[in-house]
Amino acid sequence: MTDTPTSTTSTPHRARTRARARSRSRIRTGVGAGLRRRLRDDRGSATAEYAVVILAAVAFAGVLVAVMRSGEVQGILTELVRGALSL
């Protein structure tokens, strides 16, 4: 009996994987690699997104405060509470 590999696809797969790794290393070390790294670097993006969400929430809260201070809304809420308590 001769020893045969159990999988014939493993060797070509390894070769493709190595070729991709070599290709990626060339891209990383080529001209403009630093610029490419900086452009795809997303560190801090989550922090910026949280800041935008917080600013939007603060703006919305400001609008709600302005609406709640109006005389019409205060009158409506007062009548609503009086109606609920008179039951």
N, C-alpha and C. Protein backbone atom coordinates (compact mmCIF):
# COMPACT_ATOMS: atom_id res chain seq x y z
N MET A 1 0.83 -1.18 0.00
CA MET A 1 0.00 0.00 0.00
C MET A 1 0.88 1.24 0.00
N THR A 2 0.42 2.22 -0.72
CA THR A 2 1.16 3.49 -0.74
C THR A 2 0.43 4.50 0.12
N ASP A 3 1.20 5.38 0.66
CA ASP A 3 0.60 6.43 1.48
C ASP A 3 0.09 7.54 0.57
N THR A 4 -1.19 7.76 0.61
CA THR A 4 -1.78 8.85 -0.17
C THR A 4 -2.43 9.83 0.78
N PRO A 5 -2.39 11.08 0.43
CA PRO A 5 -3.03 12.06 1.32
C PRO A 5 -4.53 11.83 1.37
N THR A 6 -5.11 12.11 2.51
CA THR A 6 -6.55 11.91 2.67
C THR A 6 -7.35 12.96 1.92
N SER A 7 -6.76 14.11 1.69
CA SER A 7 -7.48 15.16 0.99
C SER A 7 -6.57 15.75 -0.07
N THR A 8 -7.01 15.72 -1.31
CA THR A 8 -6.19 16.28 -2.38
C THR A 8 -6.40 17.78 -2.52
N THR A 9 -7.40 18.32 -1.86
CA THR A 9 -7.66 19.75 -1.97
C THR A 9 -6.85 20.57 -0.99
N SER A 10 -6.22 19.94 -0.01
CA SER A 10 -5.52 20.71 1.00
C SER A 10 -4.27 21.37 0.44
N THR A 11 -3.54 20.71 -0.45
CA THR A 11 -2.32 21.29 -0.99
C THR A 11 -2.61 22.49 -1.88
N PRO A 12 -3.53 22.41 -2.85
CA PRO A 12 -3.83 23.62 -3.63
C PRO A 12 -4.42 24.74 -2.77
N HIS A 13 -5.19 24.36 -1.77
CA HIS A 13 -5.75 25.38 -0.88
C HIS A 13 -4.64 26.11 -0.15
N ARG A 14 -3.67 25.37 0.35
CA ARG A 14 -2.53 26.00 1.03
C ARG A 14 -1.77 26.91 0.09
N ALA A 15 -1.60 26.47 -1.14
CA ALA A 15 -0.88 27.30 -2.12
C ALA A 15 -1.63 28.60 -2.37
N ARG A 16 -2.94 28.52 -2.52
CA ARG A 16 -3.73 29.74 -2.73
C ARG A 16 -3.64 30.66 -1.51
N THR A 17 -3.69 30.06 -0.33
CA THR A 17 -3.62 30.86 0.89
C THR A 17 -2.28 31.57 0.99
N ARG A 18 -1.21 30.86 0.68
CA ARG A 18 0.12 31.48 0.70
C ARG A 18 0.23 32.59 -0.34
N ALA A 19 -0.33 32.36 -1.52
CA ALA A 19 -0.28 33.38 -2.58
C ALA A 19 -1.02 34.63 -2.13
N ARG A 20 -2.18 34.46 -1.51
CA ARG A 20 -2.93 35.62 -1.01
C ARG A 20 -2.14 36.36 0.06
N ALA A 21 -1.49 35.62 0.94
CA ALA A 21 -0.71 36.26 2.00
C ALA A 21 0.44 37.06 1.41
N ARG A 22 1.11 36.49 0.39
CA ARG A 22 2.20 37.24 -0.26
C ARG A 22 1.66 38.49 -0.93
N SER A 23 0.52 38.37 -1.58
CA SER A 23 -0.08 39.51 -2.25
C SER A 23 -0.43 40.60 -1.24
N ARG A 24 -1.01 40.21 -0.12
CA ARG A 24 -1.36 41.19 0.91
C ARG A 24 -0.13 41.85 1.49
N SER A 25 0.93 41.09 1.68
CA SER A 25 2.14 41.70 2.25
C SER A 25 2.74 42.70 1.27
N ARG A 26 2.62 42.44 -0.03
CA ARG A 26 3.11 43.41 -1.02
C ARG A 26 2.29 44.68 -0.96
N ILE A 27 0.99 44.53 -0.79
CA ILE A 27 0.13 45.71 -0.70
C ILE A 27 0.47 46.51 0.54
N ARG A 28 0.72 45.84 1.65
CA ARG A 28 1.02 46.53 2.90
C ARG A 28 2.34 47.28 2.84
N THR A 29 3.29 46.80 2.08
CA THR A 29 4.61 47.41 2.08
C THR A 29 4.87 48.25 0.84
N GLY A 30 3.92 48.32 -0.09
CA GLY A 30 4.12 49.06 -1.32
C GLY A 30 4.01 50.56 -1.12
N VAL A 31 4.15 51.28 -2.23
CA VAL A 31 4.04 52.73 -2.20
C VAL A 31 2.62 53.11 -1.80
N GLY A 32 2.48 54.01 -0.87
CA GLY A 32 1.16 54.45 -0.42
C GLY A 32 0.53 53.54 0.61
N ALA A 33 1.29 52.59 1.13
CA ALA A 33 0.71 51.66 2.11
C ALA A 33 0.28 52.39 3.38
N GLY A 34 1.07 53.36 3.80
CA GLY A 34 0.71 54.13 4.99
C GLY A 34 -0.59 54.88 4.81
N LEU A 35 -0.76 55.47 3.62
CA LEU A 35 -2.00 56.19 3.33
C LEU A 35 -3.19 55.24 3.32
N ARG A 36 -3.02 54.07 2.70
CA ARG A 36 -4.11 53.08 2.67
C ARG A 36 -4.47 52.64 4.08
N ARG A 37 -3.46 52.44 4.92
CA ARG A 37 -3.73 52.03 6.29
C ARG A 37 -4.50 53.11 7.04
N ARG A 38 -4.11 54.38 6.83
CA ARG A 38 -4.79 55.48 7.52
C ARG A 38 -6.22 55.63 7.04
N LEU A 39 -6.44 55.42 5.75
CA LEU A 39 -7.79 55.59 5.21
C LEU A 39 -8.74 54.50 5.68
N ARG A 40 -8.24 53.29 5.86
CA ARG A 40 -9.14 52.23 6.28
C ARG A 40 -9.14 52.04 7.80
N ASP A 41 -8.31 52.81 8.51
CA ASP A 41 -8.27 52.72 9.96
C ASP A 41 -9.54 53.33 10.52
N ASP A 42 -10.31 52.56 11.27
CA ASP A 42 -11.58 53.06 11.79
C ASP A 42 -11.56 53.21 13.31
N ARG A 43 -10.37 53.31 13.87
CA ARG A 43 -10.29 53.52 15.31
C ARG A 43 -10.90 54.88 15.64
N GLY A 44 -11.71 54.93 16.65
CA GLY A 44 -12.34 56.17 17.06
C GLY A 44 -13.64 56.48 16.35
N SER A 45 -14.00 55.70 15.34
CA SER A 45 -15.24 56.00 14.63
C SER A 45 -16.46 55.75 15.51
N ALA A 46 -16.40 54.76 16.36
CA ALA A 46 -17.53 54.49 17.25
C ALA A 46 -17.72 55.66 18.22
N THR A 47 -16.62 56.23 18.69
CA THR A 47 -16.71 57.37 19.60
C THR A 47 -17.37 58.55 18.91
N ALA A 48 -17.00 58.80 17.66
CA ALA A 48 -17.60 59.90 16.90
C ALA A 48 -19.09 59.65 16.68
N GLU A 49 -19.45 58.42 16.40
CA GLU A 49 -20.87 58.10 16.21
C GLU A 49 -21.66 58.31 17.50
N TYR A 50 -21.09 57.91 18.63
CA TYR A 50 -21.76 58.14 19.91
C TYR A 50 -21.93 59.63 20.16
N ALA A 51 -20.92 60.42 19.83
CA ALA A 51 -21.01 61.87 20.03
C ALA A 51 -22.14 62.47 19.20
N VAL A 52 -22.30 62.02 17.97
CA VAL A 52 -23.38 62.52 17.12
C VAL A 52 -24.74 62.14 17.71
N VAL A 53 -24.86 60.92 18.18
CA VAL A 53 -26.13 60.47 18.78
C VAL A 53 -26.44 61.28 20.04
N ILE A 54 -25.44 61.54 20.85
CA ILE A 54 -25.66 62.32 22.07
C ILE A 54 -26.08 63.75 21.73
N LEU A 55 -25.44 64.36 20.73
CA LEU A 55 -25.83 65.70 20.31
C LEU A 55 -27.27 65.73 19.82
N ALA A 56 -27.67 64.72 19.06
CA ALA A 56 -29.05 64.66 18.58
C ALA A 56 -30.02 64.51 19.75
N ALA A 57 -29.67 63.70 20.73
CA ALA A 57 -30.53 63.51 21.90
C ALA A 57 -30.67 64.80 22.70
N VAL A 58 -29.58 65.54 22.84
CA VAL A 58 -29.63 66.81 23.57
C VAL A 58 -30.51 67.81 22.83
N ALA A 59 -30.38 67.86 21.50
CA ALA A 59 -31.22 68.76 20.71
C ALA A 59 -32.69 68.39 20.85
N PHE A 60 -32.99 67.10 20.81
CA PHE A 60 -34.38 66.65 20.96
C PHE A 60 -34.91 67.00 22.35
N ALA A 61 -34.09 66.84 23.37
CA ALA A 61 -34.50 67.19 24.73
C ALA A 61 -34.78 68.69 24.83
N GLY A 62 -33.97 69.50 24.17
CA GLY A 62 -34.21 70.95 24.17
C GLY A 62 -35.54 71.30 23.53
N VAL A 63 -35.87 70.64 22.43
CA VAL A 63 -37.16 70.88 21.78
C VAL A 63 -38.30 70.46 22.71
N LEU A 64 -38.16 69.32 23.37
CA LEU A 64 -39.21 68.88 24.30
C LEU A 64 -39.40 69.86 25.45
N VAL A 65 -38.32 70.39 25.99
CA VAL A 65 -38.43 71.36 27.08
C VAL A 65 -39.15 72.60 26.60
N ALA A 66 -38.81 73.07 25.40
CA ALA A 66 -39.47 74.27 24.87
C ALA A 66 -40.97 74.02 24.68
N VAL A 67 -41.32 72.85 24.19
CA VAL A 67 -42.74 72.53 23.98
C VAL A 67 -43.46 72.42 25.31
N MET A 68 -42.84 71.77 26.28
CA MET A 68 -43.49 71.56 27.58
C MET A 68 -43.69 72.87 28.34
N ARG A 69 -42.88 73.88 28.08
CA ARG A 69 -43.01 75.16 28.77
C ARG A 69 -44.09 76.06 28.17
N SER A 70 -44.58 75.70 27.01
CA SER A 70 -45.60 76.54 26.39
C SER A 70 -46.89 76.47 27.20
N GLY A 71 -47.64 77.57 27.18
CA GLY A 71 -48.87 77.66 27.97
C GLY A 71 -49.92 76.65 27.53
N GLU A 72 -50.03 76.42 26.23
CA GLU A 72 -51.04 75.48 25.73
C GLU A 72 -50.80 74.07 26.25
N VAL A 73 -49.57 73.62 26.17
CA VAL A 73 -49.25 72.25 26.59
C VAL A 73 -49.43 72.12 28.10
N GLN A 74 -49.04 73.14 28.85
CA GLN A 74 -49.23 73.08 30.30
C GLN A 74 -50.71 73.00 30.65
N GLY A 75 -51.54 73.75 29.93
CA GLY A 75 -52.99 73.69 30.17
C GLY A 75 -53.56 72.32 29.85
N ILE A 76 -53.13 71.74 28.74
CA ILE A 76 -53.61 70.41 28.34
C ILE A 76 -53.21 69.36 29.39
N LEU A 77 -51.95 69.43 29.83
CA LEU A 77 -51.48 68.45 30.82
C LEU A 77 -52.20 68.63 32.16
N THR A 78 -52.44 69.88 32.54
CA THR A 78 -53.14 70.14 33.80
C THR A 78 -54.55 69.56 33.75
N GLU A 79 -55.25 69.78 32.65
CA GLU A 79 -56.60 69.24 32.50
C GLU A 79 -56.58 67.71 32.48
N LEU A 80 -55.58 67.14 31.86
CA LEU A 80 -55.45 65.68 31.80
C LEU A 80 -55.27 65.09 33.20
N VAL A 81 -54.41 65.73 33.99
CA VAL A 81 -54.15 65.24 35.35
C VAL A 81 -55.40 65.42 36.22
N ARG A 82 -56.06 66.58 36.10
CA ARG A 82 -57.29 66.82 36.88
C ARG A 82 -58.37 65.79 36.53
N GLY A 83 -58.51 65.51 35.24
CA GLY A 83 -59.49 64.52 34.81
C GLY A 83 -59.18 63.13 35.34
N ALA A 84 -57.90 62.78 35.39
CA ALA A 84 -57.50 61.46 35.89
C ALA A 84 -57.72 61.36 37.39
N LEU A 85 -57.50 62.46 38.12
CA LEU A 85 -57.65 62.43 39.58
C LEU A 85 -59.11 62.51 40.01
N SER A 86 -59.98 63.02 39.15
CA SER A 86 -61.38 63.17 39.55
C SER A 86 -62.17 61.88 39.38
N LEU A 87 -61.57 60.86 38.83
CA LEU A 87 -62.27 59.58 38.65
C LEU A 87 -62.49 58.96 39.96
